[in-house]
Amino acid sequence: MTIARISELERKTTQSGKANTGKWLLEFERQQALRPDPLTGWNGSGDTNPQVRLTFQTKDAAIAYCDRHGLKYHVVAAAPVRLKIQAYADNFR
């Protein structure tokens, strides 16, 4: 059975704005273990589901997608955003 992970997209550390925040990402859990390729030594498997990434506007839309397609899922909450507000002059104290 395919298991999906639903998580909120976090903004990257280099972003200062809030554009594209609040979207939700659906990824599939790996069903096969990674194993080294005998020729190259790189890790890989025959499972292509982890390559699929779907984005949704709301968490409810992602959950509805899983319910509609009969997928098991679990929701991963995003870490709270903590802003450290300081003045530029504080760097020189």
Protein backbone atom coordinates (compact mmCIF):
# COMPACT_ATOMS: atom_id res chain seq x y z
CA MET A 1 0.00 0.00 0.00
CA THR A 2 1.34 3.39 -0.93
CA ILE A 3 1.76 5.84 1.93
CA ALA A 4 1.84 9.59 1.32
CA ARG A 5 3.44 12.32 3.44
CA ILE A 6 1.70 15.71 3.49
CA SER A 7 3.80 18.62 4.73
CA GLU A 8 3.65 22.39 4.57
CA LEU A 9 6.19 24.02 2.28
CA GLU A 10 8.61 26.11 4.30
CA ARG A 11 10.24 29.19 2.93
CA LYS A 12 13.91 28.92 2.21
CA THR A 13 16.35 30.64 4.54
CA THR A 14 17.42 33.00 1.77
CA GLN A 15 13.87 34.29 1.33
CA SER A 16 12.77 37.32 3.28
CA GLY A 17 9.26 37.56 1.86
CA LYS A 18 6.22 35.38 2.37
CA ALA A 19 5.41 34.59 -1.27
CA ASN A 20 4.53 30.96 -1.99
CA THR A 21 4.13 30.14 1.69
CA GLY A 22 1.16 28.21 2.99
CA LYS A 23 1.23 25.65 0.18
CA TRP A 24 1.21 21.94 0.98
CA LEU A 25 3.41 19.22 -0.52
CA LEU A 26 2.42 15.58 -1.02
CA GLU A 27 5.28 13.10 -1.37
CA PHE A 28 5.21 9.31 -1.39
CA GLU A 29 7.15 7.21 1.09
CA ARG A 30 9.82 4.86 -0.23
CA GLN A 31 8.56 1.26 -0.58
CA GLN A 32 11.92 -0.35 -1.41
CA ALA A 33 15.21 0.09 0.40
CA LEU A 34 18.07 1.83 -1.38
CA ARG A 35 20.82 -0.48 -2.54
CA PRO A 36 24.17 0.24 -4.19
CA ASP A 37 24.39 -0.24 -7.93
CA PRO A 38 27.07 -2.87 -8.65
CA LEU A 39 28.49 -0.92 -11.59
CA THR A 40 28.66 2.65 -10.26
CA GLY A 41 28.21 2.20 -6.51
CA TRP A 42 25.46 4.85 -6.43
CA ASN A 43 22.43 4.21 -4.26
CA GLY A 44 19.17 3.53 -6.04
CA SER A 45 16.08 1.37 -6.23
CA GLY A 46 13.32 0.44 -8.64
CA ASP A 47 10.79 2.48 -6.68
CA THR A 48 9.92 5.64 -8.62
CA ASN A 49 7.14 6.90 -6.31
CA PRO A 50 9.45 9.16 -4.21
CA GLN A 51 10.14 11.17 -7.38
CA VAL A 52 6.50 12.33 -7.51
CA ARG A 53 5.83 15.62 -5.71
CA LEU A 54 2.39 17.26 -5.81
CA THR A 55 1.61 20.72 -4.42
CA PHE A 56 -1.77 21.88 -3.14
CA GLN A 57 -3.13 25.23 -2.00
CA THR A 58 -4.53 23.84 1.26
CA LYS A 59 -4.01 20.88 3.56
CA ASP A 60 -7.64 19.88 3.07
CA ALA A 61 -7.13 19.66 -0.71
CA ALA A 62 -4.16 17.32 -0.22
CA ILE A 63 -6.13 15.14 2.20
CA ALA A 64 -9.08 15.06 -0.22
CA TYR A 65 -6.73 13.90 -3.00
CA CYS A 66 -5.50 11.02 -0.81
CA ASP A 67 -9.04 10.05 0.13
CA ARG A 68 -10.20 10.19 -3.50
CA HIS A 69 -7.36 7.91 -4.65
CA GLY A 70 -7.42 5.56 -1.65
CA LEU A 71 -3.99 6.51 -0.30
CA LYS A 72 -2.92 6.25 3.31
CA TYR A 73 -1.32 9.48 4.51
CA HIS A 74 0.18 11.25 7.48
CA VAL A 75 0.52 14.99 8.01
CA VAL A 76 3.85 16.49 9.09
CA ALA A 77 3.46 19.84 10.82
CA ALA A 78 5.87 22.63 9.91
CA ALA A 79 8.20 24.02 12.52
CA PRO A 80 7.10 27.40 13.90
CA VAL A 81 8.82 30.39 12.35
CA ARG A 82 10.81 32.42 14.83
CA LEU A 83 12.06 35.80 13.70
CA LYS A 84 15.05 37.39 15.35
CA ILE A 85 14.42 41.08 14.92
CA GLN A 86 17.42 43.30 15.46
CA ALA A 87 18.86 46.48 14.08
CA TYR A 88 21.85 46.48 11.76
CA ALA A 89 23.76 48.51 14.36
CA ASP A 90 23.48 45.60 16.80
CA ASN A 91 26.11 43.76 14.70
CA PHE A 92 28.76 46.23 15.88
CA ARG A 93 28.17 46.19 19.65
